[in-house]
Amino acid sequence: MKIRSILAELLLFSASCLVPMAQAATYTNSIGMELQNIAPGSFFMGSCLYSRADKERDNQLEEQGLAPQGPTCPAQVPEDKHALEEEAPQHEVHISKGFQIGVYEVTLGQFKRFLATLNEEERGKRTTEAFKNANIHGDEAAVVAVSWEDAQAFIAWLNQKEGGENYRLPTEAEWEYAARAGSKTRYFWGDTLEKASEYAWFNMEHADLRIWFPEGTFNKKENFPHPVGLKKANSWGLYDMAGNVWEWVNDRYSTTYYQNSPKQDPTGPEKGTARCFRGGSWYGSARSLRSAYRGLNIPTHRSDSLGFRVVREIR
């Protein structure tokens, strides 16, 4: 009986210890940003596609009398007919260090705190008429009409405020790793679109509305940046990783980068003008909600469907 009592006490103690560990998975900083711990690990980046490079390889094999290999799909998933060349080849990537990533996209309210610290001239450069017109949906909405350079300025301010240099934009690899949340499917919820509206705000005018609203109940436009976190999260607790607003990442863009990118902690090409963004948006089609989809533009570009979320390094 005494042994049973001791075991029971140990079990109770262990259970009590599990609660704070689970609560500690999310970190909240001084401006109310919630960040989720992401453990190191490996995943398959990009899409299964019979790419031009695959076809050239197979042509050479056939000329040598050898059997063609078909699409490069190490994740052993069906070929994605919607995939683009720049998403190929699908390849394994290892994220060697854990990090924290925003549970939500950066909100207008959080961005306003940065703007309030700027002098009138610097603030005026960012609060253009386009910025004001795009950001009329409340402080809890994802901030939009911010360039890659604006995002970097916000991050520099946040690092100064928090002390240190821990905050930055995610790399493309970190973003896709966090978005997939262990999935190998086209979308982080699966391979089909039936559940898309449960997880993402996107432009349903670009799709067949009958998929989501068979009774014809969809009778209003929702084409604007929404308050964050209204849809379902992915399995790692991250909201709006598909849809709502595009999200700048740190990497430069290259259509051929995946052909020679390092297996561990890729950070994008060393040269190039354009920067990448990910995730789809309220303006984008359902196709752009795929976890592997890549967007690009120059770092000064601003759009009413383009925002960002941040990563915090764990030191």
Protein backbone atom coordinates (compact mmCIF):
# COMPACT_ATOMS: atom_id res chain seq x y z
CA MET A 1 0.00 0.00 0.00
CA LYS A 2 2.83 2.33 0.87
CA ILE A 3 4.45 1.71 -2.54
CA ARG A 4 1.15 2.39 -4.29
CA SER A 5 0.79 5.62 -2.31
CA ILE A 6 4.27 6.77 -3.30
CA LEU A 7 3.60 5.91 -6.96
CA ALA A 8 0.32 7.81 -6.87
CA GLU A 9 2.07 10.87 -5.45
CA LEU A 10 4.75 10.66 -8.13
CA LEU A 11 2.11 10.47 -10.85
CA LEU A 12 0.30 13.47 -9.44
CA PHE A 13 3.57 15.40 -9.23
CA SER A 14 4.44 14.48 -12.83
CA ALA A 15 1.01 15.58 -14.05
CA SER A 16 1.32 18.91 -12.25
CA CYS A 17 4.68 19.48 -13.95
CA LEU A 18 3.20 18.91 -17.42
CA VAL A 19 0.84 21.89 -17.20
CA PRO A 20 3.46 24.65 -16.95
CA MET A 21 5.52 22.95 -19.66
CA ALA A 22 2.55 23.12 -22.04
CA GLN A 23 1.82 26.73 -21.08
CA ALA A 24 5.46 27.68 -21.60
CA ALA A 25 5.26 26.64 -25.27
CA THR A 26 3.99 30.12 -26.14
CA TYR A 27 6.02 33.23 -25.34
CA THR A 28 4.43 36.68 -25.12
CA ASN A 29 6.66 39.73 -25.59
CA SER A 30 6.32 43.30 -24.34
CA ILE A 31 3.95 44.40 -27.12
CA GLY A 32 1.65 41.41 -26.73
CA MET A 33 3.00 39.29 -29.58
CA GLU A 34 2.46 35.59 -28.95
CA LEU A 35 5.17 33.30 -30.32
CA GLN A 36 5.06 29.53 -30.59
CA ASN A 37 8.02 27.24 -30.01
CA ILE A 38 8.98 25.26 -33.11
CA ALA A 39 11.31 22.31 -32.52
CA PRO A 40 14.14 21.36 -34.90
CA GLY A 41 13.27 18.75 -37.49
CA SER A 42 13.16 17.71 -41.12
CA PHE A 43 10.46 18.07 -43.78
CA PHE A 44 9.94 17.86 -47.53
CA MET A 45 10.02 21.33 -49.07
CA GLY A 46 8.46 22.23 -52.40
CA SER A 47 6.06 20.32 -54.62
CA CYS A 48 5.97 16.97 -56.36
CA LEU A 49 6.18 18.03 -60.01
CA TYR A 50 7.51 16.48 -63.19
CA SER A 51 9.71 19.49 -63.81
CA ARG A 52 11.76 20.52 -66.82
CA ALA A 53 14.89 19.35 -65.01
CA ASP A 54 13.29 15.93 -64.40
CA LYS A 55 12.31 15.65 -68.06
CA GLU A 56 15.80 16.58 -69.26
CA ARG A 57 17.29 13.96 -66.92
CA ASP A 58 14.87 11.31 -68.18
CA ASN A 59 15.62 12.17 -71.80
CA GLN A 60 19.31 11.56 -71.11
CA LEU A 61 18.53 8.28 -69.36
CA GLU A 62 16.42 7.09 -72.28
CA GLU A 63 19.21 8.00 -74.71
CA GLN A 64 21.43 5.70 -72.65
CA GLY A 65 18.85 2.94 -72.80
CA LEU A 66 17.89 3.39 -69.13
CA ALA A 67 14.44 3.68 -67.61
CA PRO A 68 13.12 7.20 -66.83
CA GLN A 69 12.73 8.08 -63.16
CA GLY A 70 9.68 10.37 -63.38
CA PRO A 71 9.03 13.30 -61.06
CA THR A 72 11.29 13.91 -58.07
CA CYS A 73 8.97 13.20 -55.14
CA PRO A 74 10.90 12.00 -52.06
CA ALA A 75 7.80 12.55 -49.90
CA GLN A 76 6.10 9.82 -51.98
CA VAL A 77 2.98 11.88 -52.60
CA PRO A 78 0.99 12.24 -55.83
CA GLU A 79 2.20 14.76 -58.39
CA ASP A 80 0.66 18.19 -57.86
CA LYS A 81 -0.78 19.32 -61.17
CA HIS A 82 -1.08 22.88 -59.82
CA ALA A 83 2.60 23.12 -58.87
CA LEU A 84 4.94 25.61 -60.54
CA GLU A 85 8.48 25.08 -61.78
CA GLU A 86 10.00 27.22 -59.02
CA GLU A 87 8.54 24.81 -56.43
CA ALA A 88 10.60 21.92 -57.79
CA PRO A 89 12.32 19.71 -57.11
CA GLN A 90 10.71 18.57 -53.89
CA HIS A 91 13.59 18.07 -51.47
CA GLU A 92 14.27 17.23 -47.86
CA VAL A 93 15.33 20.10 -45.59
CA HIS A 94 16.62 19.90 -42.05
CA ILE A 95 15.98 22.76 -39.62
CA SER A 96 18.79 22.32 -37.11
CA LYS A 97 17.79 24.91 -34.51
CA GLY A 98 14.50 25.49 -32.79
CA PHE A 99 12.89 28.91 -33.07
CA GLN A 100 9.75 30.78 -32.13
CA ILE A 101 7.34 32.13 -34.72
CA GLY A 102 4.39 34.46 -34.37
CA VAL A 103 1.16 32.66 -33.61
CA TYR A 104 -0.49 35.44 -35.62
CA GLU A 105 0.50 37.82 -38.37
CA VAL A 106 1.71 41.24 -37.17
CA THR A 107 -1.35 43.35 -36.50
CA LEU A 108 -2.09 46.97 -37.30
CA GLY A 109 -2.15 47.77 -33.59
CA GLN A 110 1.35 46.37 -33.13
CA PHE A 111 2.64 48.20 -36.18
CA LYS A 112 1.14 51.46 -34.90
CA ARG A 113 3.34 51.23 -31.81
CA PHE A 114 6.36 51.23 -34.09
CA LEU A 115 4.99 54.13 -36.15
CA ALA A 116 4.45 56.19 -33.01
CA THR A 117 8.21 56.18 -32.32
CA LEU A 118 9.14 57.67 -35.71
CA ASN A 119 9.65 61.32 -36.50
CA GLU A 120 7.09 62.96 -38.74
CA GLU A 121 9.13 62.54 -41.90
CA GLU A 122 9.83 58.83 -41.37
CA ARG A 123 6.26 58.14 -40.31
CA GLY A 124 4.96 59.95 -43.38
CA LYS A 125 7.02 57.71 -45.67
CA ARG A 126 5.14 54.70 -44.35
CA THR A 127 1.66 56.04 -43.64
CA THR A 128 0.83 56.88 -47.23
CA GLU A 129 -2.74 57.26 -48.48
CA ALA A 130 -2.52 53.69 -49.76
CA PHE A 131 -1.49 52.51 -46.29
CA LYS A 132 -4.33 54.40 -44.63
CA ASN A 133 -6.91 53.14 -47.12
CA ALA A 134 -5.77 49.54 -46.77
CA ASN A 135 -5.64 49.50 -42.97
CA ILE A 136 -9.21 50.45 -42.01
CA HIS A 137 -10.29 47.16 -40.47
CA GLY A 138 -9.22 47.66 -36.87
CA ASP A 139 -6.13 47.19 -34.75
CA GLU A 140 -6.59 43.41 -34.58
CA ALA A 141 -6.44 43.05 -38.36
CA ALA A 142 -3.21 41.98 -40.04
CA VAL A 143 -1.24 45.05 -41.08
CA VAL A 144 -0.86 45.42 -44.85
CA ALA A 145 0.68 47.80 -47.37
CA VAL A 146 4.07 47.24 -45.76
CA SER A 147 7.17 46.59 -47.82
CA TRP A 148 9.95 44.13 -46.99
CA GLU A 149 11.98 47.17 -45.95
CA ASP A 150 9.13 48.38 -43.69
CA ALA A 151 9.06 44.95 -42.05
CA GLN A 152 12.81 45.15 -41.44
CA ALA A 153 12.43 48.59 -39.87
CA PHE A 154 9.70 47.28 -37.56
CA ILE A 155 11.95 44.35 -36.58
CA ALA A 156 14.88 46.67 -35.86
CA TRP A 157 12.62 48.72 -33.55
CA LEU A 158 11.30 45.56 -31.87
CA ASN A 159 14.82 44.25 -31.26
CA GLN A 160 15.82 47.56 -29.70
CA LYS A 161 12.72 47.59 -27.52
CA GLU A 162 13.15 43.98 -26.41
CA GLY A 163 16.92 44.18 -26.07
CA GLY A 164 19.06 42.06 -28.36
CA GLU A 165 18.87 40.92 -31.95
CA ASN A 166 16.53 37.96 -31.61
CA TYR A 167 13.73 39.01 -33.96
CA ARG A 168 13.80 38.66 -37.75
CA LEU A 169 11.72 37.50 -40.68
CA PRO A 170 11.54 33.72 -41.13
CA THR A 171 13.50 32.07 -43.89
CA GLU A 172 11.47 30.44 -46.65
CA ALA A 173 12.39 27.05 -45.22
CA GLU A 174 11.36 27.98 -41.67
CA TRP A 175 8.10 29.43 -42.93
CA GLU A 176 7.16 26.33 -44.94
CA TYR A 177 8.26 24.01 -42.12
CA ALA A 178 5.99 25.88 -39.69
CA ALA A 179 3.13 26.14 -42.19
CA ARG A 180 3.16 22.44 -43.03
CA ALA A 181 3.26 21.54 -39.33
CA GLY A 182 4.23 17.97 -40.12
CA SER A 183 2.02 17.59 -43.20
CA LYS A 184 3.10 16.40 -46.65
CA THR A 185 -0.12 17.40 -48.39
CA ARG A 186 -0.78 20.28 -50.82
CA TYR A 187 -2.49 22.31 -48.11
CA PHE A 188 -1.66 21.87 -44.44
CA TRP A 189 -5.17 20.50 -43.83
CA GLY A 190 -5.08 17.98 -46.72
CA ASP A 191 -4.98 17.59 -50.50
CA THR A 192 -8.40 19.01 -51.33
CA LEU A 193 -10.14 22.36 -50.97
CA GLU A 194 -13.31 21.27 -49.21
CA LYS A 195 -12.05 22.53 -45.84
CA ALA A 196 -10.24 25.61 -47.14
CA SER A 197 -12.76 28.13 -45.81
CA GLU A 198 -12.34 26.70 -42.30
CA TYR A 199 -8.67 27.67 -42.27
CA ALA A 200 -8.17 30.54 -44.68
CA TRP A 201 -9.50 33.85 -45.96
CA PHE A 202 -9.04 33.89 -49.72
CA ASN A 203 -10.72 35.22 -52.84
CA MET A 204 -13.61 32.88 -53.41
CA GLU A 205 -14.53 34.77 -56.58
CA HIS A 206 -11.51 32.96 -58.09
CA ALA A 207 -13.03 29.59 -57.24
CA ASP A 208 -16.21 27.58 -57.46
CA LEU A 209 -18.38 28.95 -54.65
CA ARG A 210 -20.54 25.84 -54.73
CA ILE A 211 -17.72 23.88 -53.09
CA TRP A 212 -18.15 25.87 -49.88
CA PHE A 213 -21.67 27.26 -50.18
CA PRO A 214 -23.86 24.67 -51.91
CA GLU A 215 -27.01 26.48 -50.74
CA GLY A 216 -25.89 29.76 -52.27
CA THR A 217 -25.54 31.44 -48.86
CA PHE A 218 -22.39 33.37 -49.74
CA ASN A 219 -23.74 36.79 -50.64
CA LYS A 220 -21.15 39.25 -49.37
CA LYS A 221 -17.61 40.13 -50.28
CA GLU A 222 -14.91 39.53 -47.68
CA ASN A 223 -12.03 40.85 -49.71
CA PHE A 224 -9.98 42.68 -47.10
CA PRO A 225 -7.40 41.91 -44.40
CA HIS A 226 -9.22 40.36 -41.45
CA PRO A 227 -8.56 40.35 -37.73
CA VAL A 228 -6.02 37.61 -37.08
CA GLY A 229 -6.92 34.24 -35.61
CA LEU A 230 -10.56 34.01 -36.70
CA LYS A 231 -10.06 30.82 -38.70
CA LYS A 232 -8.76 27.45 -37.48
CA ALA A 233 -5.06 27.08 -36.67
CA ASN A 234 -2.78 24.48 -38.20
CA SER A 235 -1.73 21.53 -36.06
CA TRP A 236 1.14 23.52 -34.51
CA GLY A 237 -1.19 26.25 -33.30
CA LEU A 238 -0.38 28.88 -35.94
CA TYR A 239 -3.19 30.97 -37.44
CA ASP A 240 -3.56 32.35 -40.97
CA MET A 241 -0.56 30.48 -42.35
CA ALA A 242 -2.77 30.13 -45.41
CA GLY A 243 -4.75 33.13 -46.55
CA ASN A 244 -5.65 36.48 -44.98
CA VAL A 245 -2.43 38.28 -46.03
CA TRP A 246 0.73 37.29 -47.84
CA GLU A 247 3.75 37.20 -45.52
CA TRP A 248 7.20 38.50 -46.37
CA VAL A 249 10.06 36.13 -45.63
CA ASN A 250 13.73 37.00 -45.50
CA ASP A 251 15.04 35.14 -48.56
CA ARG A 252 15.90 36.49 -51.94
CA TYR A 253 14.04 34.80 -54.77
CA SER A 254 15.33 32.52 -57.49
CA THR A 255 13.31 30.20 -59.72
CA THR A 256 16.11 27.62 -59.67
CA TYR A 257 17.24 27.86 -56.04
CA TYR A 258 15.71 24.52 -55.02
CA GLN A 259 17.87 22.69 -57.56
CA ASN A 260 21.03 23.39 -55.55
CA SER A 261 19.88 24.61 -52.13
CA PRO A 262 21.62 23.19 -49.05
CA LYS A 263 19.85 20.43 -47.16
CA GLN A 264 20.37 22.10 -43.79
CA ASP A 265 19.03 25.55 -42.88
CA PRO A 266 18.82 27.10 -46.37
CA THR A 267 18.66 30.89 -46.34
CA GLY A 268 18.05 31.63 -50.01
CA PRO A 269 20.35 32.78 -52.81
CA GLU A 270 23.13 35.23 -52.02
CA LYS A 271 22.27 37.52 -54.93
CA GLY A 272 19.04 38.78 -56.40
CA THR A 273 16.72 41.78 -56.33
CA ALA A 274 13.37 40.23 -55.46
CA ARG A 275 12.33 38.95 -52.03
CA CYS A 276 9.91 36.12 -51.34
CA PHE A 277 6.54 36.09 -49.65
CA ARG A 278 4.35 33.14 -48.73
CA GLY A 279 0.92 31.94 -47.70
CA GLY A 280 -1.71 33.35 -50.04
CA SER A 281 -4.13 36.12 -49.11
CA TRP A 282 -7.70 37.41 -49.13
CA TYR A 283 -7.02 38.57 -52.69
CA GLY A 284 -5.35 35.38 -53.90
CA SER A 285 -6.93 32.27 -55.37
CA ALA A 286 -7.25 28.92 -53.64
CA ARG A 287 -4.20 27.72 -55.58
CA SER A 288 -1.96 30.14 -53.68
CA LEU A 289 -2.97 28.58 -50.34
CA ARG A 290 -0.75 25.57 -51.07
CA SER A 291 2.09 25.28 -48.55
CA ALA A 292 4.72 25.24 -51.31
CA TYR A 293 3.44 28.27 -53.25
CA ARG A 294 6.03 31.06 -53.63
CA GLY A 295 5.41 34.75 -54.28
CA LEU A 296 7.95 37.46 -55.03
CA ASN A 297 8.41 41.18 -55.48
CA ILE A 298 10.97 43.92 -55.00
CA PRO A 299 11.67 44.83 -51.35
CA THR A 300 10.06 48.27 -51.68
CA HIS A 301 6.76 46.83 -52.93
CA ARG A 302 3.60 47.49 -50.90
CA SER A 303 0.23 45.83 -51.39
CA ASP A 304 -3.10 45.84 -49.59
CA SER A 305 -2.83 42.04 -49.30
CA LEU A 306 0.79 41.81 -48.12
CA GLY A 307 1.99 41.78 -44.50
CA PHE A 308 4.36 39.68 -42.38
CA ARG A 309 4.95 37.69 -39.22
CA VAL A 310 8.13 37.45 -37.19
CA VAL A 311 10.51 34.81 -35.88
CA ARG A 312 12.31 35.02 -32.55
CA GLU A 313 15.56 33.11 -32.27
CA ILE A 314 16.04 30.94 -29.20
CA ARG A 315 19.50 31.61 -27.80
